[in-house]
Amino acid sequence: MDIYERDHLQQFLVTIFGQQAASWFPNEPLFNLTYELIQESGGCTEAMRYVPEPLGPARNAFRWMAKEVRKKFLKTIAENKDHYAMCIGTAAYRMAHRFHLAAQGV
């Protein structure tokens, strides 16, 4: 990894794990775990795309739900594969110990 790749990886890890990740030396095992983290959070992110937004006051619930489903589906196919922060956070929480070990070179 070059210095720029290490910097980008470290910035991402600090965003997910907080300031403790600032002391981690970005290495190949951390990169591989980050790749796995993004893959793991993909299923959650895909499911979040279909969660309807809140119903406004005095609205027909059935018509609103049909509109929301259409809107969410069209949004999903139009957007790229960005991940929801809560999905990445959940996967990061489950994998935190592995990241700590990789940062130590274990």
C-alpha atoms as a PDB file:
ATOM      1  CA  MET A   1       0.000   0.000   0.000  1.00  0.00           C
ATOM      2  CA  ASP A   2       1.256   3.472  -0.778  1.00  0.00           C
ATOM      3  CA  ILE A   3       1.056   6.437   1.595  1.00  0.00           C
ATOM      4  CA  TYR A   4      -2.157   7.775   0.042  1.00  0.00           C
ATOM      5  CA  GLU A   5      -3.934   4.433   0.299  1.00  0.00           C
ATOM      6  CA  ARG A   6      -2.832   4.132   3.922  1.00  0.00           C
ATOM      7  CA  ASP A   7      -4.097   7.634   4.648  1.00  0.00           C
ATOM      8  CA  HIS A   8      -7.509   6.958   3.073  1.00  0.00           C
ATOM      9  CA  LEU A   9      -7.825   3.657   4.913  1.00  0.00           C
ATOM     10  CA  GLN A  10      -6.882   5.236   8.222  1.00  0.00           C
ATOM     11  CA  GLN A  11      -9.370   8.094   7.748  1.00  0.00           C
ATOM     12  CA  PHE A  12     -12.136   5.583   7.065  1.00  0.00           C
ATOM     13  CA  LEU A  13     -11.197   3.475  10.090  1.00  0.00           C
ATOM     14  CA  VAL A  14     -11.150   6.558  12.360  1.00  0.00           C
ATOM     15  CA  THR A  15     -14.650   7.383  11.101  1.00  0.00           C
ATOM     16  CA  ILE A  16     -15.854   3.905  12.066  1.00  0.00           C
ATOM     17  CA  PHE A  17     -13.819   3.067  15.185  1.00  0.00           C
ATOM     18  CA  GLY A  18     -13.023   6.531  16.530  1.00  0.00           C
ATOM     19  CA  GLN A  19      -9.692   8.067  17.505  1.00  0.00           C
ATOM     20  CA  GLN A  20      -8.254   4.735  18.647  1.00  0.00           C
ATOM     21  CA  ALA A  21      -7.858   3.842  14.946  1.00  0.00           C
ATOM     22  CA  ALA A  22      -5.600   6.879  14.447  1.00  0.00           C
ATOM     23  CA  SER A  23      -2.802   4.937  16.156  1.00  0.00           C
ATOM     24  CA  TRP A  24      -3.283   1.860  13.953  1.00  0.00           C
ATOM     25  CA  PHE A  25      -0.760   1.379  11.166  1.00  0.00           C
ATOM     26  CA  PRO A  26      -2.798   0.724   7.997  1.00  0.00           C
ATOM     27  CA  ASN A  27      -1.608  -2.625   6.678  1.00  0.00           C
ATOM     28  CA  GLU A  28      -2.850  -5.339   4.334  1.00  0.00           C
ATOM     29  CA  PRO A  29      -4.772  -7.264   7.056  1.00  0.00           C
ATOM     30  CA  LEU A  30      -6.630  -4.054   7.998  1.00  0.00           C
ATOM     31  CA  PHE A  31      -7.397  -3.421   4.341  1.00  0.00           C
ATOM     32  CA  ASN A  32      -8.707  -6.979   3.929  1.00  0.00           C
ATOM     33  CA  LEU A  33     -10.891  -6.658   7.025  1.00  0.00           C
ATOM     34  CA  THR A  34     -12.225  -3.324   5.771  1.00  0.00           C
ATOM     35  CA  TYR A  35     -13.120  -4.955   2.467  1.00  0.00           C
ATOM     36  CA  GLU A  36     -14.898  -7.752   4.365  1.00  0.00           C
ATOM     37  CA  LEU A  37     -16.683  -5.147   6.512  1.00  0.00           C
ATOM     38  CA  ILE A  38     -18.074  -3.387   3.441  1.00  0.00           C
ATOM     39  CA  GLN A  39     -19.210  -6.692   1.962  1.00  0.00           C
ATOM     40  CA  GLU A  40     -20.896  -7.736   5.194  1.00  0.00           C
ATOM     41  CA  SER A  41     -22.766  -4.456   5.573  1.00  0.00           C
ATOM     42  CA  GLY A  42     -24.113  -4.671   2.020  1.00  0.00           C
ATOM     43  CA  GLY A  43     -27.094  -6.878   2.913  1.00  0.00           C
ATOM     44  CA  CYS A  44     -28.186  -4.492   5.637  1.00  0.00           C
ATOM     45  CA  THR A  45     -27.764  -1.507   3.343  1.00  0.00           C
ATOM     46  CA  GLU A  46     -29.837  -3.167   0.648  1.00  0.00           C
ATOM     47  CA  ALA A  47     -32.633  -3.859   3.159  1.00  0.00           C
ATOM     48  CA  MET A  48     -32.550  -0.256   4.430  1.00  0.00           C
ATOM     49  CA  ARG A  49     -33.358   0.977   0.936  1.00  0.00           C
ATOM     50  CA  TYR A  50     -36.865  -0.458   1.301  1.00  0.00           C
ATOM     51  CA  VAL A  51     -37.746   1.027   4.693  1.00  0.00           C
ATOM     52  CA  PRO A  52     -40.590   3.493   4.055  1.00  0.00           C
ATOM     53  CA  GLU A  53     -40.367   7.068   5.204  1.00  0.00           C
ATOM     54  CA  PRO A  54     -42.832   8.296   7.869  1.00  0.00           C
ATOM     55  CA  LEU A  55     -46.486   8.746   6.904  1.00  0.00           C
ATOM     56  CA  GLY A  56     -47.580  12.366   6.739  1.00  0.00           C
ATOM     57  CA  PRO A  57     -50.710  13.559   8.557  1.00  0.00           C
ATOM     58  CA  ALA A  58     -54.122  12.920   6.964  1.00  0.00           C
ATOM     59  CA  ARG A  59     -52.819  10.695   4.158  1.00  0.00           C
ATOM     60  CA  ASN A  60     -54.271   7.547   2.659  1.00  0.00           C
ATOM     61  CA  ALA A  61     -52.037   4.816   4.119  1.00  0.00           C
ATOM     62  CA  PHE A  62     -52.441   2.317   1.272  1.00  0.00           C
ATOM     63  CA  ARG A  63     -51.749   4.831  -1.496  1.00  0.00           C
ATOM     64  CA  TRP A  64     -48.855   6.258   0.514  1.00  0.00           C
ATOM     65  CA  MET A  65     -47.322   2.793   1.007  1.00  0.00           C
ATOM     66  CA  ALA A  66     -47.575   1.952  -2.698  1.00  0.00           C
ATOM     67  CA  LYS A  67     -45.934   5.263  -3.577  1.00  0.00           C
ATOM     68  CA  GLU A  68     -43.152   4.686  -1.023  1.00  0.00           C
ATOM     69  CA  VAL A  69     -42.421   1.197  -2.345  1.00  0.00           C
ATOM     70  CA  ARG A  70     -42.192   2.499  -5.911  1.00  0.00           C
ATOM     71  CA  LYS A  71     -40.011   5.405  -4.802  1.00  0.00           C
ATOM     72  CA  LYS A  72     -37.655   3.166  -2.801  1.00  0.00           C
ATOM     73  CA  PHE A  73     -37.335   0.673  -5.641  1.00  0.00           C
ATOM     74  CA  LEU A  74     -36.578   3.372  -8.213  1.00  0.00           C
ATOM     75  CA  LYS A  75     -34.112   5.004  -5.825  1.00  0.00           C
ATOM     76  CA  THR A  76     -32.357   1.657  -5.349  1.00  0.00           C
ATOM     77  CA  ILE A  77     -31.867   1.003  -9.035  1.00  0.00           C
ATOM     78  CA  ALA A  78     -30.817   4.603  -9.713  1.00  0.00           C
ATOM     79  CA  GLU A  79     -28.209   4.907  -6.964  1.00  0.00           C
ATOM     80  CA  ASN A  80     -24.880   3.293  -6.599  1.00  0.00           C
ATOM     81  CA  LYS A  81     -24.085   0.834  -3.808  1.00  0.00           C
ATOM     82  CA  ASP A  82     -23.396   3.305  -0.990  1.00  0.00           C
ATOM     83  CA  HIS A  83     -23.695   1.773   2.448  1.00  0.00           C
ATOM     84  CA  TYR A  84     -25.782   3.085   5.325  1.00  0.00           C
ATOM     85  CA  ALA A  85     -23.647   4.178   8.255  1.00  0.00           C
ATOM     86  CA  MET A  86     -25.645   2.098  10.742  1.00  0.00           C
ATOM     87  CA  CYS A  87     -25.021  -1.032   8.648  1.00  0.00           C
ATOM     88  CA  ILE A  88     -21.292  -0.426   8.577  1.00  0.00           C
ATOM     89  CA  GLY A  89     -21.335   0.425  12.284  1.00  0.00           C
ATOM     90  CA  THR A  90     -23.097  -2.820  13.172  1.00  0.00           C
ATOM     91  CA  ALA A  91     -20.692  -4.899  11.112  1.00  0.00           C
ATOM     92  CA  ALA A  92     -17.739  -2.944  12.560  1.00  0.00           C
ATOM     93  CA  TYR A  93     -18.950  -3.660  16.097  1.00  0.00           C
ATOM     94  CA  ARG A  94     -19.050  -7.397  15.351  1.00  0.00           C
ATOM     95  CA  MET A  95     -15.587  -7.288  13.773  1.00  0.00           C
ATOM     96  CA  ALA A  96     -13.878  -4.831  16.176  1.00  0.00           C
ATOM     97  CA  HIS A  97     -11.730  -7.474  17.885  1.00  0.00           C
ATOM     98  CA  ARG A  98     -10.401  -8.687  14.544  1.00  0.00           C
ATOM     99  CA  PHE A  99      -9.525  -5.114  13.567  1.00  0.00           C
ATOM    100  CA  HIS A 100      -7.645  -4.605  16.843  1.00  0.00           C
ATOM    101  CA  LEU A 101      -5.648  -7.789  16.261  1.00  0.00           C
ATOM    102  CA  ALA A 102      -4.876  -6.866  12.656  1.00  0.00           C
ATOM    103  CA  ALA A 103      -3.738  -3.405  13.712  1.00  0.00           C
ATOM    104  CA  GLN A 104      -1.269  -5.090  16.085  1.00  0.00           C
ATOM    105  CA  GLY A 105      -0.012  -7.334  13.302  1.00  0.00           C
ATOM    106  CA  VAL A 106      -1.494 -10.474  14.840  1.00  0.00           C
END
